């Protein structure tokens, strides 16, 4: 059965262009042009993924995302012209899994849709079906249940935030470039924007602590760098 993608964007020309490209790639698409309509549509059809504009009339994209995640966990890609770090981080915190800033490449959109959908397949990339607990000091990451705890207290990470942290934790002491992380965690091959990695790293730091992931200037990111 084809995956259903809901597109919520108040610019009909963009929504139709996204719908056409995804339909050509074998997806079934449905469109809404405001927040209220988008929520009703998603509750009615239960899409496999939502492409969600941040700036919407009625209910904005952040609130739509928040309400969708309260109903059931659904992958969300924010499609927005708002290149604002605070808003992007807030979107990730309320449950969005990735974002694309307009104008965007149709090829990039398709790649990101496929990559995010892979995060939700039964055999997740981070766990691989093998029970494992990754420890970073007081932080524990359980790869099967995808639970995260700090000193026993549960912390919520999105699927991509979880996979990013586990990927770096398994390579403790090694520096991974943004391109390597895009390939390993997102499944992207090619130039699809390093800022995606940077924004997710910032989101993880806000939840797990500023010192969890270290920046290695002009190279990439690492956990547990040698001192």
Protein backbone atom coordinates (compact mmCIF):
# COMPACT_ATOMS: atom_id res chain seq x y z
CA UNK A 1 0.00 0.00 0.00
CA UNK A 2 1.27 3.47 -0.88
CA UNK A 3 2.32 5.72 1.96
CA UNK A 4 -0.05 8.65 2.57
CA UNK A 5 1.56 12.09 2.84
CA UNK A 6 -0.49 15.02 4.16
CA UNK A 7 0.62 18.43 2.89
CA UNK A 8 -0.49 21.42 4.97
CA UNK A 9 0.50 24.72 3.35
CA UNK A 10 -1.52 27.90 2.80
CA UNK A 11 0.20 28.54 -0.55
CA UNK A 12 -1.79 26.32 -2.91
CA UNK A 13 0.80 26.55 -5.69
CA UNK A 14 3.47 25.14 -3.36
CA UNK A 15 1.13 22.50 -1.93
CA UNK A 16 0.18 21.33 -5.42
CA UNK A 17 3.81 21.28 -6.59
CA UNK A 18 4.82 19.20 -3.55
CA UNK A 19 1.83 16.91 -4.10
CA UNK A 20 2.70 16.38 -7.76
CA UNK A 21 6.35 15.56 -7.03
CA UNK A 22 5.49 13.12 -4.24
CA UNK A 23 2.73 11.52 -6.33
CA UNK A 24 5.25 10.98 -9.13
CA UNK A 25 7.43 9.16 -6.58
CA UNK A 26 4.61 6.74 -5.73
CA UNK A 27 3.11 8.41 -2.65
CA UNK A 28 -0.57 9.14 -2.10
CA UNK A 29 -1.06 12.79 -1.15
CA UNK A 30 -3.78 14.88 0.48
CA UNK A 31 -3.76 18.68 0.86
CA UNK A 32 -5.01 21.20 3.43
CA UNK A 33 -4.45 24.96 3.32
CA UNK A 34 -4.93 26.04 6.95
CA UNK A 35 -4.30 24.69 10.43
CA UNK A 36 -7.88 23.71 11.30
CA UNK A 37 -8.39 21.92 8.00
CA UNK A 38 -5.03 20.22 8.34
CA UNK A 39 -5.81 18.83 11.79
CA UNK A 40 -9.18 17.50 10.64
CA UNK A 41 -7.61 15.97 7.54
CA UNK A 42 -4.88 14.20 9.53
CA UNK A 43 -7.35 12.84 12.07
CA UNK A 44 -9.54 11.56 9.22
CA UNK A 45 -6.92 9.87 7.00
CA UNK A 46 -4.10 9.02 9.49
CA UNK A 47 -1.22 9.91 7.15
CA UNK A 48 2.16 8.20 7.33
CA UNK A 49 3.93 11.58 7.26
CA UNK A 50 2.98 15.26 7.33
CA UNK A 51 4.70 18.03 5.37
CA UNK A 52 3.75 21.04 7.47
CA UNK A 53 4.23 24.77 6.83
CA UNK A 54 5.19 26.73 9.93
CA UNK A 55 3.17 29.85 9.08
CA UNK A 56 -0.51 28.96 8.67
CA UNK A 57 -3.75 30.91 9.05
CA UNK A 58 -5.95 29.93 11.99
CA UNK A 59 -3.73 27.53 13.93
CA UNK A 60 -0.02 27.92 13.21
CA UNK A 61 2.23 25.03 12.26
CA UNK A 62 3.77 24.66 15.72
CA UNK A 63 0.37 24.22 17.34
CA UNK A 64 -0.76 21.83 14.60
CA UNK A 65 2.35 19.72 15.22
CA UNK A 66 1.80 19.80 18.99
CA UNK A 67 -1.82 18.64 18.66
CA UNK A 68 -0.97 15.94 16.14
CA UNK A 69 1.65 14.44 18.44
CA UNK A 70 -0.83 14.52 21.34
CA UNK A 71 -3.21 12.35 19.28
CA UNK A 72 -0.67 9.87 17.88
CA UNK A 73 3.00 9.87 16.92
CA UNK A 74 3.27 10.88 13.27
CA UNK A 75 6.43 11.94 11.41
CA UNK A 76 6.48 15.65 10.54
CA UNK A 77 8.71 17.62 8.18
CA UNK A 78 8.40 21.39 8.54
CA UNK A 79 8.35 23.16 5.19
CA UNK A 80 8.88 26.83 5.86
CA UNK A 81 10.20 30.14 4.59
CA UNK A 82 10.98 31.16 8.17
CA UNK A 83 14.73 30.70 8.56
CA UNK A 84 14.68 31.40 12.30
CA UNK A 85 16.73 29.19 14.63
CA UNK A 86 14.43 29.68 17.64
CA UNK A 87 11.33 28.69 15.67
CA UNK A 88 13.08 25.72 14.10
CA UNK A 89 14.22 24.46 17.50
CA UNK A 90 10.72 24.95 18.89
CA UNK A 91 9.36 22.91 16.00
CA UNK A 92 11.78 20.08 16.76
CA UNK A 93 10.85 20.24 20.45
CA UNK A 94 7.10 19.89 19.80
CA UNK A 95 7.67 16.79 17.68
CA UNK A 96 8.82 17.71 14.17
CA UNK A 97 11.46 15.34 12.82
CA UNK A 98 13.09 17.52 10.18
CA UNK A 99 12.66 20.80 8.33
CA UNK A 100 13.27 22.27 4.89
CA UNK A 101 13.57 26.01 4.28
CA UNK A 102 11.91 27.46 1.17
CA UNK A 103 12.97 27.64 -1.59
CA UNK A 104 13.86 23.97 -1.63
CA UNK A 105 14.97 21.33 -4.10
CA UNK A 106 12.22 18.81 -5.02
CA UNK A 107 14.89 16.09 -5.00
CA UNK A 108 15.87 17.12 -1.47
CA UNK A 109 12.24 16.97 -0.33
CA UNK A 110 11.79 13.44 -1.66
CA UNK A 111 15.06 12.33 -0.05
CA UNK A 112 14.03 13.74 3.31
CA UNK A 113 10.55 12.22 3.15
CA UNK A 114 12.04 8.78 2.45
CA UNK A 115 14.68 9.20 5.15
CA UNK A 116 12.19 10.24 7.84
CA UNK A 117 9.84 7.39 6.91
CA UNK A 118 12.73 4.94 7.34
CA UNK A 119 13.08 6.19 10.94
CA UNK A 120 9.63 4.76 11.62
CA UNK A 121 10.10 1.33 10.09
CA UNK A 122 9.87 -1.53 12.65
CA UNK A 123 13.59 -2.28 12.54
CA UNK A 124 14.80 1.22 13.44
CA UNK A 125 18.31 2.21 12.42
CA UNK A 126 19.39 3.04 15.93
CA UNK A 127 18.33 -0.17 17.58
CA UNK A 128 18.58 -2.65 14.73
CA UNK A 129 16.39 -5.01 16.80
CA UNK A 130 19.22 -5.70 19.28
CA UNK A 131 18.67 -4.74 22.92
CA UNK A 132 21.41 -2.34 23.93
CA UNK A 133 21.85 0.37 26.54
CA UNK A 134 24.23 3.17 25.59
CA UNK A 135 25.58 5.08 28.58
CA UNK A 136 27.00 8.59 28.65
CA UNK A 137 27.70 9.32 32.29
CA UNK A 138 24.31 9.84 33.94
CA UNK A 139 22.54 9.48 30.57
CA UNK A 140 21.15 6.11 29.44
CA UNK A 141 19.77 5.44 25.96
CA UNK A 142 17.88 2.16 25.44
CA UNK A 143 17.96 1.31 21.75
CA UNK A 144 15.05 -1.16 21.73
CA UNK A 145 12.53 0.93 23.65
CA UNK A 146 14.15 4.21 22.55
CA UNK A 147 13.87 5.51 26.09
CA UNK A 148 16.26 8.17 27.37
CA UNK A 149 16.94 8.77 31.06
CA UNK A 150 19.10 11.23 32.96
CA UNK A 151 19.67 10.12 36.56
CA UNK A 152 16.60 7.92 36.18
CA UNK A 153 14.35 10.71 34.87
CA UNK A 154 12.84 10.14 31.42
CA UNK A 155 13.68 12.70 28.71
CA UNK A 156 11.89 12.83 25.35
CA UNK A 157 13.99 12.83 22.19
CA UNK A 158 12.51 12.75 18.70
CA UNK A 159 13.50 9.70 16.60
CA UNK A 160 16.15 11.67 14.71
CA UNK A 161 17.53 13.24 17.89
CA UNK A 162 17.76 9.77 19.43
CA UNK A 163 19.48 8.25 16.40
CA UNK A 164 21.91 11.17 16.16
CA UNK A 165 22.91 10.81 19.82
CA UNK A 166 23.30 7.03 19.58
CA UNK A 167 25.33 7.33 16.37
CA UNK A 168 27.81 9.69 18.03
CA UNK A 169 27.82 7.72 21.30
CA UNK A 170 28.77 4.50 19.52
CA UNK A 171 31.76 6.30 18.02
CA UNK A 172 32.98 7.83 21.28
CA UNK A 173 36.30 9.56 20.71
CA UNK A 174 35.76 9.86 16.95
CA UNK A 175 34.79 13.05 15.15
CA UNK A 176 32.01 12.63 12.57
CA UNK A 177 31.54 15.23 9.87
CA UNK A 178 28.13 16.66 9.03
CA UNK A 179 28.13 14.73 5.75
CA UNK A 180 28.83 11.48 7.62
CA UNK A 181 26.00 12.17 10.05
CA UNK A 182 23.60 13.08 7.24
CA UNK A 183 24.42 9.75 5.58
CA UNK A 184 24.35 7.56 8.71
CA UNK A 185 21.43 9.11 10.59
CA UNK A 186 19.23 10.70 7.93
CA UNK A 187 20.13 8.40 5.07
CA UNK A 188 20.91 11.34 2.77
CA UNK A 189 23.49 11.02 0.03
CA UNK A 190 24.67 14.30 -1.45
CA UNK A 191 24.46 17.94 -0.46
CA UNK A 192 21.24 18.26 1.53
CA UNK A 193 22.16 21.01 3.96
CA UNK A 194 24.44 20.75 6.97
CA UNK A 195 22.22 23.14 8.95
CA UNK A 196 19.83 20.25 9.56
CA UNK A 197 22.54 18.53 11.60
CA UNK A 198 23.41 21.73 13.46
CA UNK A 199 19.79 22.36 14.46
CA UNK A 200 19.31 18.81 15.73
CA UNK A 201 22.56 18.99 17.71
CA UNK A 202 21.32 22.18 19.37
CA UNK A 203 18.00 20.50 20.17
CA UNK A 204 19.79 17.54 21.78
CA UNK A 205 21.99 19.87 23.83
CA UNK A 206 18.94 21.72 25.14
CA UNK A 207 17.51 18.42 26.37
CA UNK A 208 20.59 16.49 27.51
CA UNK A 209 23.05 19.27 28.36
CA UNK A 210 25.38 21.58 26.47
CA UNK A 211 28.43 19.36 27.02
CA UNK A 212 26.95 16.10 25.70
CA UNK A 213 27.86 16.72 22.05
CA UNK A 214 31.03 18.65 21.35
CA UNK A 215 31.73 20.78 18.29
CA UNK A 216 35.08 20.21 16.60
CA UNK A 217 35.67 23.38 14.61
CA UNK A 218 35.72 22.94 10.82
CA UNK A 219 35.37 19.16 11.20
CA UNK A 220 32.12 18.05 12.80
CA UNK A 221 30.77 16.68 16.08
CA UNK A 222 31.86 14.14 18.67
CA UNK A 223 30.96 12.60 22.01
CA UNK A 224 33.73 11.74 24.46
CA UNK A 225 36.64 13.45 22.78
CA UNK A 226 40.00 12.49 24.25
CA UNK A 227 41.36 15.14 26.63
